[in-house]
C-alpha atoms as a PDB file:
ATOM      1  CA  MET A   1     -22.968  85.949  88.914  1.00  0.00           C
ATOM      2  CA  GLY A   2     -21.966  85.767  85.317  1.00  0.00           C
ATOM      3  CA  CYS A   3     -22.186  89.197  84.087  1.00  0.00           C
ATOM      4  CA  GLY A   4     -18.105  89.907  84.883  1.00  0.00           C
ATOM      5  CA  ALA A   5     -15.837  90.747  82.264  1.00  0.00           C
ATOM      6  CA  LEU A   6     -15.570  87.956  80.273  1.00  0.00           C
ATOM      7  CA  THR A   7     -17.687  84.585  79.296  1.00  0.00           C
ATOM      8  CA  ARG A   8     -16.565  81.654  77.516  1.00  0.00           C
ATOM      9  CA  SER A   9     -18.079  82.888  74.393  1.00  0.00           C
ATOM     10  CA  SER A  10     -16.072  86.152  74.128  1.00  0.00           C
ATOM     11  CA  ALA A  11     -13.067  84.181  74.749  1.00  0.00           C
ATOM     12  CA  ALA A  12     -13.683  81.701  71.888  1.00  0.00           C
ATOM     13  CA  ALA A  13     -14.975  84.503  69.307  1.00  0.00           C
ATOM     14  CA  PHE A  14     -11.932  86.583  70.112  1.00  0.00           C
ATOM     15  CA  HIS A  15      -9.255  83.180  69.924  1.00  0.00           C
ATOM     16  CA  ARG A  16     -10.738  82.442  66.598  1.00  0.00           C
ATOM     17  CA  THR A  17     -10.995  85.937  64.971  1.00  0.00           C
ATOM     18  CA  ARG A  18      -7.312  87.089  66.039  1.00  0.00           C
ATOM     19  CA  VAL A  19      -5.684  83.754  65.384  1.00  0.00           C
ATOM     20  CA  GLY A  20      -7.897  82.640  62.493  1.00  0.00           C
ATOM     21  CA  ALA A  21      -9.513  85.156  60.541  1.00  0.00           C
ATOM     22  CA  LEU A  22      -7.061  88.030  60.922  1.00  0.00           C
ATOM     23  CA  GLY A  23      -4.002  85.947  60.809  1.00  0.00           C
ATOM     24  CA  ARG A  24      -0.547  87.647  60.690  1.00  0.00           C
ATOM     25  CA  THR A  25      -2.094  90.713  58.576  1.00  0.00           C
ATOM     26  CA  GLY A  26      -3.835  91.993  61.703  1.00  0.00           C
ATOM     27  CA  GLY A  27      -7.629  93.259  60.791  1.00  0.00           C
ATOM     28  CA  SER A  28     -10.381  95.878  61.720  1.00  0.00           C
ATOM     29  CA  ALA A  29     -12.297  95.557  64.937  1.00  0.00           C
ATOM     30  CA  PHE A  30     -15.347  95.116  63.001  1.00  0.00           C
ATOM     31  CA  GLU A  31     -14.342  92.156  61.378  1.00  0.00           C
ATOM     32  CA  ALA A  32     -13.339  90.532  64.854  1.00  0.00           C
ATOM     33  CA  ALA A  33     -16.834  91.346  66.352  1.00  0.00           C
ATOM     34  CA  ARG A  34     -18.534  90.267  62.881  1.00  0.00           C
ATOM     35  CA  LEU A  35     -16.807  87.121  62.383  1.00  0.00           C
ATOM     36  CA  GLY A  36     -16.555  85.954  65.932  1.00  0.00           C
ATOM     37  CA  ASN A  37     -19.689  86.083  67.857  1.00  0.00           C
ATOM     38  CA  THR A  38     -21.724  83.210  67.920  1.00  0.00           C
ATOM     39  CA  GLY A  39     -24.511  84.902  68.805  1.00  0.00           C
ATOM     40  CA  GLY A  40     -24.312  87.516  65.740  1.00  0.00           C
ATOM     41  CA  VAL A  41     -22.492  89.881  64.895  1.00  0.00           C
ATOM     42  CA  TYR A  42     -22.341  91.770  68.157  1.00  0.00           C
ATOM     43  CA  SER A  43     -20.077  90.996  71.234  1.00  0.00           C
ATOM     44  CA  LEU A  44     -18.334  92.357  74.091  1.00  0.00           C
ATOM     45  CA  VAL A  45     -15.213  92.009  72.136  1.00  0.00           C
ATOM     46  CA  SER A  46     -15.785  94.815  70.100  1.00  0.00           C
ATOM     47  CA  SER A  47     -18.383  96.654  71.515  1.00  0.00           C
ATOM     48  CA  ALA A  48     -17.784  99.572  69.471  1.00  0.00           C
ATOM     49  CA  VAL A  49     -19.624  98.084  66.771  1.00  0.00           C
ATOM     50  CA  LEU A  50     -22.536  97.831  68.563  1.00  0.00           C
ATOM     51  CA  ALA A  51     -22.021 101.756  70.004  1.00  0.00           C
ATOM     52  CA  LEU A  52     -21.640 102.516  65.900  1.00  0.00           C
ATOM     53  CA  ASP A  53     -24.973 100.864  65.466  1.00  0.00           C
ATOM     54  CA  LEU A  54     -26.926 102.492  68.576  1.00  0.00           C
ATOM     55  CA  VAL A  55     -25.453 106.344  67.185  1.00  0.00           C
ATOM     56  CA  ARG A  56     -27.385 105.178  64.074  1.00  0.00           C
ATOM     57  CA  HIS A  57     -30.694 103.665  65.294  1.00  0.00           C
ATOM     58  CA  PRO A  58     -33.465 105.831  65.659  1.00  0.00           C
ATOM     59  CA  ASN A  59     -34.089 104.842  69.469  1.00  0.00           C
ATOM     60  CA  GLY A  60     -30.093 104.032  70.257  1.00  0.00           C
ATOM     61  CA  ALA A  61     -30.093 106.034  73.258  1.00  0.00           C
ATOM     62  CA  ALA A  62     -32.891 103.683  75.029  1.00  0.00           C
ATOM     63  CA  VAL A  63     -31.236 100.723  73.484  1.00  0.00           C
ATOM     64  CA  ALA A  64     -27.869 101.672  75.163  1.00  0.00           C
ATOM     65  CA  ASP A  65     -29.561 102.296  78.475  1.00  0.00           C
ATOM     66  CA  VAL A  66     -31.244  99.150  78.429  1.00  0.00           C
ATOM     67  CA  VAL A  67     -28.161  97.063  77.461  1.00  0.00           C
ATOM     68  CA  ASP A  68     -25.839  99.000  79.834  1.00  0.00           C
ATOM     69  CA  ARG A  69     -28.554  98.204  82.537  1.00  0.00           C
ATOM     70  CA  ALA A  70     -28.285  94.604  81.457  1.00  0.00           C
ATOM     71  CA  LEU A  71     -24.604  94.004  81.522  1.00  0.00           C
ATOM     72  CA  ALA A  72     -24.655  95.681  85.194  1.00  0.00           C
ATOM     73  CA  LEU A  73     -27.500  93.384  86.889  1.00  0.00           C
ATOM     74  CA  THR A  74     -26.900  92.421  90.329  1.00  0.00           C
ATOM     75  CA  ASP A  75     -27.774  88.758  91.859  1.00  0.00           C
ATOM     76  CA  ASP A  76     -31.147  90.233  93.667  1.00  0.00           C
ATOM     77  CA  GLU A  77     -31.910  91.934  90.433  1.00  0.00           C
ATOM     78  CA  VAL A  78     -31.734  88.655  88.741  1.00  0.00           C
ATOM     79  CA  SER A  79     -33.599  86.792  91.453  1.00  0.00           C
ATOM     80  CA  ARG A  80     -36.529  89.186  90.619  1.00  0.00           C
ATOM     81  CA  MET A  81     -37.022  88.183  87.213  1.00  0.00           C
ATOM     82  CA  ARG A  82     -38.942  84.850  87.418  1.00  0.00           C
ATOM     83  CA  ARG A  83     -41.923  85.808  85.431  1.00  0.00           C
ATOM     84  CA  PRO A  84     -40.976  87.125  82.519  1.00  0.00           C
ATOM     85  CA  ALA A  85     -43.793  88.541  79.832  1.00  0.00           C
ATOM     86  CA  SER A  86     -45.669  85.834  77.899  1.00  0.00           C
ATOM     87  CA  GLU A  87     -44.559  84.657  74.431  1.00  0.00           C
ATOM     88  CA  ALA A  88     -47.842  86.086  72.740  1.00  0.00           C
ATOM     89  CA  VAL A  89     -47.095  89.261  73.903  1.00  0.00           C
ATOM     90  CA  ARG A  90     -43.484  89.436  72.715  1.00  0.00           C
ATOM     91  CA  LYS A  91     -44.868  88.015  69.141  1.00  0.00           C
ATOM     92  CA  ARG A  92     -47.118  91.127  69.166  1.00  0.00           C
ATOM     93  CA  VAL A  93     -44.502  93.374  69.918  1.00  0.00           C
ATOM     94  CA  LEU A  94     -42.090  92.035  67.137  1.00  0.00           C
ATOM     95  CA  ALA A  95     -44.922  92.084  64.679  1.00  0.00           C
ATOM     96  CA  GLY A  96     -45.449  95.876  64.849  1.00  0.00           C
ATOM     97  CA  GLY A  97     -42.124  96.075  63.436  1.00  0.00           C
ATOM     98  CA  THR A  98     -38.603  97.220  64.407  1.00  0.00           C
ATOM     99  CA  PRO A  99     -36.419  99.786  62.844  1.00  0.00           C
ATOM    100  CA  GLU A 100     -34.080  97.435  60.659  1.00  0.00           C
ATOM    101  CA  VAL A 101     -32.558 100.064  58.899  1.00  0.00           C
ATOM    102  CA  ARG A 102     -30.098  97.741  57.401  1.00  0.00           C
ATOM    103  CA  LYS A 103     -32.668  95.696  55.741  1.00  0.00           C
ATOM    104  CA  THR A 104     -34.515  98.399  54.746  1.00  0.00           C
ATOM    105  CA  SER A 105     -33.231 101.889  53.407  1.00  0.00           C
ATOM    106  CA  PHE A 106     -29.520 100.303  52.631  1.00  0.00           C
ATOM    107  CA  THR A 107     -30.794  98.040  49.836  1.00  0.00           C
ATOM    108  CA  GLY A 108     -32.750 100.659  48.171  1.00  0.00           C
ATOM    109  CA  ASP A 109     -30.519 103.421  48.150  1.00  0.00           C
ATOM    110  CA  VAL A 110     -27.762 101.305  46.921  1.00  0.00           C
ATOM    111  CA  ALA A 111     -29.694 100.266  43.917  1.00  0.00           C
ATOM    112  CA  ALA A 112     -30.992 103.631  43.264  1.00  0.00           C
ATOM    113  CA  THR A 113     -27.597 104.578  42.339  1.00  0.00           C
ATOM    114  CA  GLY A 114     -27.304 102.864  39.301  1.00  0.00           C
ATOM    115  CA  ALA A 115     -30.180 104.895  37.995  1.00  0.00           C
ATOM    116  CA  LEU A 116     -27.031 108.118  38.569  1.00  0.00           C
ATOM    117  CA  GLY A 117     -24.632 106.229  35.493  1.00  0.00           C
ATOM    118  CA  PRO A 118     -21.311 105.890  35.758  1.00  0.00           C
ATOM    119  CA  PRO A 119     -19.356 106.301  38.938  1.00  0.00           C
ATOM    120  CA  SER A 120     -19.405 110.061  39.968  1.00  0.00           C
ATOM    121  CA  ARG A 121     -19.253 112.287  42.968  1.00  0.00           C
ATOM    122  CA  GLN A 122     -23.107 112.150  43.108  1.00  0.00           C
ATOM    123  CA  ARG A 123     -23.126 108.526  43.157  1.00  0.00           C
ATOM    124  CA  SER A 124     -20.685 108.460  45.968  1.00  0.00           C
ATOM    125  CA  ARG A 125     -22.274 110.686  48.056  1.00  0.00           C
ATOM    126  CA  THR A 126     -25.579 108.536  47.925  1.00  0.00           C
ATOM    127  CA  LEU A 127     -23.449 105.465  48.736  1.00  0.00           C
ATOM    128  CA  VAL A 128     -21.778 107.090  51.764  1.00  0.00           C
ATOM    129  CA  GLN A 129     -24.888 108.335  52.980  1.00  0.00           C
ATOM    130  CA  ALA A 130     -26.194 104.944  52.488  1.00  0.00           C
ATOM    131  CA  LEU A 131     -23.579 103.446  54.583  1.00  0.00           C
ATOM    132  CA  SER A 132     -23.535 105.985  57.016  1.00  0.00           C
ATOM    133  CA  GLY A 133     -27.374 104.905  58.133  1.00  0.00           C
ATOM    134  CA  THR A 134     -27.041 101.219  57.668  1.00  0.00           C
ATOM    135  CA  LEU A 135     -27.221  99.279  60.865  1.00  0.00           C
ATOM    136  CA  VAL A 136     -24.487  96.401  60.650  1.00  0.00           C
ATOM    137  CA  GLY A 137     -26.463  94.089  63.036  1.00  0.00           C
ATOM    138  CA  GLY A 138     -29.843  93.394  64.358  1.00  0.00           C
ATOM    139  CA  LEU A 139     -32.347  92.736  67.056  1.00  0.00           C
ATOM    140  CA  GLU A 140     -31.781  89.459  66.727  1.00  0.00           C
ATOM    141  CA  ASP A 141     -27.929  89.872  66.951  1.00  0.00           C
ATOM    142  CA  LEU A 142     -28.565  92.248  70.353  1.00  0.00           C
ATOM    143  CA  HIS A 143     -30.483  89.254  71.458  1.00  0.00           C
ATOM    144  CA  GLY A 144     -27.406  86.882  70.573  1.00  0.00           C
ATOM    145  CA  LEU A 145     -25.326  89.171  72.386  1.00  0.00           C
ATOM    146  CA  LEU A 146     -27.182  88.980  75.815  1.00  0.00           C
ATOM    147  CA  ALA A 147     -27.739  85.290  75.447  1.00  0.00           C
ATOM    148  CA  ALA A 148     -23.811  84.706  74.701  1.00  0.00           C
ATOM    149  CA  GLU A 149     -22.802  87.071  77.931  1.00  0.00           C
ATOM    150  CA  LEU A 150     -25.492  86.923  80.299  1.00  0.00           C
ATOM    151  CA  GLU A 151     -25.060  83.971  82.482  1.00  0.00           C
ATOM    152  CA  VAL A 152     -28.565  84.086  84.577  1.00  0.00           C
ATOM    153  CA  PRO A 153     -31.604  82.098  84.460  1.00  0.00           C
ATOM    154  CA  ALA A 154     -33.697  81.701  81.298  1.00  0.00           C
ATOM    155  CA  PRO A 155     -36.463  83.606  82.673  1.00  0.00           C
ATOM    156  CA  ALA A 156     -34.107  86.669  83.336  1.00  0.00           C
ATOM    157  CA  LEU A 157     -32.456  86.479  79.857  1.00  0.00           C
ATOM    158  CA  GLN A 158     -36.049  86.464  78.688  1.00  0.00           C
ATOM    159  CA  THR A 159     -36.759  89.481  80.570  1.00  0.00           C
ATOM    160  CA  ALA A 160     -33.645  91.730  79.578  1.00  0.00           C
ATOM    161  CA  GLN A 161     -34.364  90.597  76.095  1.00  0.00           C
ATOM    162  CA  GLY A 162     -37.625  91.595  76.379  1.00  0.00           C
ATOM    163  CA  ALA A 163     -36.614  95.186  77.807  1.00  0.00           C
ATOM    164  CA  VAL A 164     -34.343  95.432  74.795  1.00  0.00           C
ATOM    165  CA  THR A 165     -36.843  94.594  72.435  1.00  0.00           C
ATOM    166  CA  VAL A 166     -39.149  97.052  73.637  1.00  0.00           C
ATOM    167  CA  ALA A 167     -36.434  99.801  73.565  1.00  0.00           C
ATOM    168  CA  TRP A 168     -35.430  98.929  69.995  1.00  0.00           C
ATOM    169  CA  ALA A 169     -39.255  98.988  68.978  1.00  0.00           C
ATOM    170  CA  GLY A 170     -39.736 102.052  70.156  1.00  0.00           C
ATOM    171  CA  ARG A 171     -43.972 102.979  69.697  1.00  0.00           C
ATOM    172  CA  ARG A 172     -44.203 100.864  66.761  1.00  0.00           C
ATOM    173  CA  ALA A 173     -46.503  98.261  68.868  1.00  0.00           C
ATOM    174  CA  ALA A 174     -49.613  98.853  71.138  1.00  0.00           C
ATOM    175  CA  LEU A 175     -48.916 100.887  74.390  1.00  0.00           C
ATOM    176  CA  SER A 176     -50.353  98.212  76.157  1.00  0.00           C
ATOM    177  CA  ASP A 177     -48.499  95.499  74.678  1.00  0.00           C
ATOM    178  CA  LEU A 178     -45.059  97.521  75.374  1.00  0.00           C
ATOM    179  CA  ALA A 179     -45.830  97.857  78.784  1.00  0.00           C
ATOM    180  CA  ALA A 180     -46.542  94.190  79.744  1.00  0.00           C
ATOM    181  CA  LEU A 181     -43.081  93.243  77.989  1.00  0.00           C
ATOM    182  CA  ASN A 182     -41.353  95.546  79.830  1.00  0.00           C
ATOM    183  CA  GLY A 183     -42.932  95.392  82.884  1.00  0.00           C
ATOM    184  CA  PRO A 184     -40.671  92.315  84.541  1.00  0.00           C
ATOM    185  CA  TRP A 185     -37.473  94.356  83.749  1.00  0.00           C
ATOM    186  CA  THR A 186     -38.429  97.496  85.328  1.00  0.00           C
ATOM    187  CA  GLN A 187     -40.249  96.050  88.374  1.00  0.00           C
ATOM    188  CA  ALA A 188     -36.820  93.929  89.160  1.00  0.00           C
ATOM    189  CA  LEU A 189     -34.579  96.768  88.718  1.00  0.00           C
ATOM    190  CA  ASP A 190     -32.918  98.709  91.514  1.00  0.00           C
ATOM    191  CA  PRO A 191     -33.172 102.661  91.601  1.00  0.00           C
ATOM    192  CA  VAL A 192     -29.505 103.472  90.874  1.00  0.00           C
ATOM    193  CA  PRO A 193     -27.277 100.832  88.594  1.00  0.00           C
ATOM    194  CA  PRO A 194     -23.753  99.911  89.925  1.00  0.00           C
ATOM    195  CA  ALA A 195     -21.337 102.029  88.921  1.00  0.00           C
ATOM    196  CA  LEU A 196     -18.108 100.892  86.595  1.00  0.00           C
ATOM    197  CA  THR A 197     -15.750  98.997  88.362  1.00  0.00           C
ATOM    198  CA  ARG A 198     -13.007 101.304  86.842  1.00  0.00           C
ATOM    199  CA  PRO A 199     -14.662 104.589  87.175  1.00  0.00           C
ATOM    200  CA  SER A 200     -12.800 107.382  85.220  1.00  0.00           C
ATOM    201  CA  ALA A 201     -12.934 111.335  85.402  1.00  0.00           C
ATOM    202  CA  ARG A 202     -11.125 111.502  82.041  1.00  0.00           C
ATOM    203  CA  LEU A 203     -13.983 109.402  80.658  1.00  0.00           C
ATOM    204  CA  GLN A 204     -16.737 111.506  82.187  1.00  0.00           C
ATOM    205  CA  LEU A 205     -15.292 114.905  80.963  1.00  0.00           C
ATOM    206  CA  LEU A 206     -15.424 113.243  77.348  1.00  0.00           C
ATOM    207  CA  LEU A 207     -19.194 112.303  78.121  1.00  0.00           C
ATOM    208  CA  GLU A 208     -20.207 115.607  79.499  1.00  0.00           C
ATOM    209  CA  ALA A 209     -17.950 117.361  76.068  1.00  0.00           C
ATOM    210  CA  ILE A 210     -19.958 115.407  73.365  1.00  0.00           C
ATOM    211  CA  GLY A 211     -22.996 117.272  74.635  1.00  0.00           C
ATOM    212  CA  ARG A 212     -21.274 120.600  74.821  1.00  0.00           C
ATOM    213  CA  ARG A 213     -19.136 120.713  71.231  1.00  0.00           C
ATOM    214  CA  HIS A 214     -20.341 123.098  68.792  1.00  0.00           C
ATOM    215  CA  GLY A 215     -20.409 122.036  64.661  1.00  0.00           C
ATOM    216  CA  HIS A 216     -16.887 123.748  63.841  1.00  0.00           C
ATOM    217  CA  GLN A 217     -15.525 121.269  66.789  1.00  0.00           C
ATOM    218  CA  TRP A 218     -17.038 118.362  65.204  1.00  0.00           C
ATOM    219  CA  GLN A 219     -15.978 119.150  61.711  1.00  0.00           C
ATOM    220  CA  ARG A 220     -12.387 119.851  63.171  1.00  0.00           C
ATOM    221  CA  THR A 221     -12.903 115.827  64.622  1.00  0.00           C
ATOM    222  CA  ALA A 222     -14.372 114.733  61.338  1.00  0.00           C
ATOM    223  CA  ASP A 223     -11.620 115.946  59.490  1.00  0.00           C
ATOM    224  CA  ALA A 224      -9.071 114.492  61.516  1.00  0.00           C
ATOM    225  CA  HIS A 225     -11.025 111.122  61.310  1.00  0.00           C
ATOM    226  CA  ARG A 226     -10.960 111.279  57.666  1.00  0.00           C
ATOM    227  CA  ALA A 227      -6.855 111.479  57.277  1.00  0.00           C
ATOM    228  CA  GLN A 228      -6.355 108.760  59.057  1.00  0.00           C
ATOM    229  CA  ARG A 229      -8.746 106.092  56.835  1.00  0.00           C
ATOM    230  CA  GLY A 230      -6.158 105.667  53.746  1.00  0.00           C
ATOM    231  CA  ARG A 231      -3.513 104.432  56.673  1.00  0.00           C
ATOM    232  CA  LEU A 232      -6.004 102.375  58.364  1.00  0.00           C
ATOM    233  CA  ALA A 233      -5.005 103.834  61.550  1.00  0.00           C
ATOM    234  CA  TRP A 234      -8.406 103.491  63.154  1.00  0.00           C
ATOM    235  CA  SER A 235      -8.805  99.652  62.525  1.00  0.00           C
ATOM    236  CA  THR A 236      -5.172  98.602  63.347  1.00  0.00           C
ATOM    237  CA  ALA A 237      -5.441 100.819  66.769  1.00  0.00           C
ATOM    238  CA  MET A 238      -8.836  99.713  67.614  1.00  0.00           C
ATOM    239  CA  HIS A 239      -7.933  95.970  67.048  1.00  0.00           C
ATOM    240  CA  GLU A 240      -4.966  96.350  69.823  1.00  0.00           C
ATOM    241  CA  ALA A 241      -7.248  98.024  72.162  1.00  0.00           C
ATOM    242  CA  CYS A 242     -10.026  95.048  72.033  1.00  0.00           C
ATOM    243  CA  TRP A 243      -7.099  92.746  72.476  1.00  0.00           C
ATOM    244  CA  ALA A 244      -5.771  94.661  75.483  1.00  0.00           C
ATOM    245  CA  ALA A 245      -9.466  94.625  76.912  1.00  0.00           C
ATOM    246  CA  PHE A 246      -9.857  91.027  76.223  1.00  0.00           C
ATOM    247  CA  GLU A 247      -6.606  90.109  77.870  1.00  0.00           C
ATOM    248  CA  HIS A 248      -6.871  92.038  81.161  1.00  0.00           C
ATOM    249  CA  ASP A 249     -10.851  90.969  81.720  1.00  0.00           C
ATOM    250  CA  ARG A 250     -12.254  94.607  81.123  1.00  0.00           C
ATOM    251  CA  LEU A 251     -14.792  93.732  78.283  1.00  0.00           C
ATOM    252  CA  THR A 252     -17.798  94.555  80.344  1.00  0.00           C
ATOM    253  CA  ASP A 253     -16.513  98.061  81.504  1.00  0.00           C
ATOM    254  CA  VAL A 254     -15.481  99.089  77.965  1.00  0.00           C
ATOM    255  CA  ALA A 255     -18.695  98.034  76.701  1.00  0.00           C
ATOM    256  CA  ARG A 256     -20.460 100.269  79.506  1.00  0.00           C
ATOM    257  CA  ALA A 257     -18.365 102.986  78.533  1.00  0.00           C
ATOM    258  CA  GLN A 258     -19.330 102.837  74.959  1.00  0.00           C
ATOM    259  CA  LEU A 259     -22.691 102.501  75.598  1.00  0.00           C
ATOM    260  CA  ALA A 260     -22.681 105.503  77.572  1.00  0.00           C
ATOM    261  CA  ALA A 261     -20.775 107.429  74.576  1.00  0.00           C
ATOM    262  CA  ALA A 262     -23.339 106.059  71.997  1.00  0.00           C
ATOM    263  CA  ARG A 263     -26.472 107.420  74.147  1.00  0.00           C
ATOM    264  CA  GLN A 264     -24.491 110.698  74.407  1.00  0.00           C
ATOM    265  CA  LEU A 265     -24.054 111.010  71.155  1.00  0.00           C
ATOM    266  CA  ARG A 266     -27.244 110.023  69.898  1.00  0.00           C
ATOM    267  CA  LEU A 267     -28.933 112.726  71.767  1.00  0.00           C
ATOM    268  CA  SER A 268     -26.535 115.049  70.096  1.00  0.00           C
ATOM    269  CA  ALA A 269     -26.835 116.960  66.865  1.00  0.00           C
ATOM    270  CA  ALA A 270     -23.581 115.071  65.768  1.00  0.00           C
ATOM    271  CA  SER A 271     -25.446 111.897  65.466  1.00  0.00           C
ATOM    272  CA  THR A 272     -27.089 112.958  62.298  1.00  0.00           C
ATOM    273  CA  GLY A 273     -25.527 114.324  58.796  1.00  0.00           C
ATOM    274  CA  GLU A 274     -22.833 113.088  56.683  1.00  0.00           C
ATOM    275  CA  ASP A 275     -20.176 113.075  59.052  1.00  0.00           C
ATOM    276  CA  ALA A 276     -21.953 111.153  61.655  1.00  0.00           C
ATOM    277  CA  GLN A 277     -20.050 107.648  60.867  1.00  0.00           C
ATOM    278  CA  SER A 278     -16.811 109.478  61.182  1.00  0.00           C
ATOM    279  CA  LEU A 279     -17.730 111.168  64.507  1.00  0.00           C
ATOM    280  CA  GLY A 280     -18.777 108.233  65.673  1.00  0.00           C
ATOM    281  CA  MET A 281     -15.583 106.193  64.854  1.00  0.00           C
ATOM    282  CA  ALA A 282     -13.910 109.091  66.452  1.00  0.00           C
ATOM    283  CA  VAL A 283     -15.638 108.764  69.873  1.00  0.00           C
ATOM    284  CA  THR A 284     -15.516 105.342  70.200  1.00  0.00           C
ATOM    285  CA  ALA A 285     -11.781 105.113  69.381  1.00  0.00           C
ATOM    286  CA  ALA A 286     -11.350 107.997  72.307  1.00  0.00           C
ATOM    287  CA  VAL A 287     -13.669 106.098  74.846  1.00  0.00           C
ATOM    288  CA  GLN A 288     -11.588 102.771  74.211  1.00  0.00           C
ATOM    289  CA  ALA A 289      -8.302 104.847  74.580  1.00  0.00           C
ATOM    290  CA  ILE A 290      -9.703 106.374  77.748  1.00  0.00           C
ATOM    291  CA  CYS A 291     -10.588 102.782  79.361  1.00  0.00           C
ATOM    292  CA  LEU A 292      -7.291 101.308  78.505  1.00  0.00           C
ATOM    293  CA  GLU A 293      -4.665 103.817  78.751  1.00  0.00           C
ATOM    294  CA  ASP A 294      -2.469 101.925  81.346  1.00  0.00           C
ATOM    295  CA  LEU A 295      -2.399  99.401  78.895  1.00  0.00           C
ATOM    296  CA  LEU A 296      -1.947 100.720  75.780  1.00  0.00           C
ATOM    297  CA  THR A 297       1.263 101.980  73.848  1.00  0.00           C
ATOM    298  CA  THR A 298       1.512 105.887  73.426  1.00  0.00           C
ATOM    299  CA  THR A 299       1.489 105.007  69.638  1.00  0.00           C
ATOM    300  CA  VAL A 300      -1.930 103.343  69.873  1.00  0.00           C
ATOM    301  CA  SER A 301      -3.461 105.816  72.425  1.00  0.00           C
ATOM    302  CA  ASP A 302      -2.511 108.459  70.202  1.00  0.00           C
ATOM    303  CA  VAL A 303      -4.233 107.020  67.050  1.00  0.00           C
ATOM    304  CA  LEU A 304      -7.153 106.612  69.182  1.00  0.00           C
ATOM    305  CA  LEU A 305      -7.181 110.067  70.864  1.00  0.00           C
ATOM    306  CA  SER A 306      -6.086 112.270  67.664  1.00  0.00           C
ATOM    307  CA  ALA A 307      -9.367 113.099  65.868  1.00  0.00           C
ATOM    308  CA  TRP A 308     -11.153 113.217  68.987  1.00  0.00           C
ATOM    309  CA  GLU A 309      -8.676 116.074  70.473  1.00  0.00           C
ATOM    310  CA  ALA A 310      -8.212 117.597  67.090  1.00  0.00           C
ATOM    311  CA  GLY A 311     -12.208 118.845  68.063  1.00  0.00           C
ATOM    312  CA  SER A 312     -10.799 120.262  71.443  1.00  0.00           C
END
């Protein structure tokens, strides 16, 4: 079935961003995902964008679980997704509201900085805090990602999108509606999801370490990442790593690894506070390097791993 490493949508997206939007001067992985995906700002080409959003999302761990499961659907599971929840149920859940951080807190926080007067440390701090809690995409973008990447019949796609909606919304709708929307999904799934096609002991160690790190270790990682900002090192190296995943048909495995890391990071204390963005970028970079260690140059791998390893 079509839940493999690369779809026509991903191929077209990355071609446009690398050759067109990014041109000869290069550019960030954020730009690639934002400009290239026909379904929205999320794509498998730069799954780190989605991972970073889920680290900031209140229900990010649950969303990561559902998206990971969607990317690993088997033919048998898809065949059991024949009767998605009704449109009326879906609309009631959406009417209950979803935590769209980008559309609520960001504009208000940025506008509020105008009352702080000329540029200052306090104003900059407010802007940084607003950006750190702002999502690049939203639920519609996530639905677009599934529509672009899951080559499954319409009932199965609607079932997966319903499950993502439930995870994204949390408990903002009636429990009966949430259960009805999520039921066709949970009933169709096998108890254990398929493993990654390229399992990595090194990746497993990183996932376990996320939950065990102490504050002073995270601080060293945040400091190391900030030191890279002026040189655009993260952006350049991530762009090369995204290109490597694209060329070698590893987009899905990299995305699943990024989702696993996002889940762990969201459940840790490191997902809150003013360093959350820096820590998320450091972790996504390390995941990208580990997943593609046999394809990247030593220079690129060192850049991607340096901030994470500084906290070891």
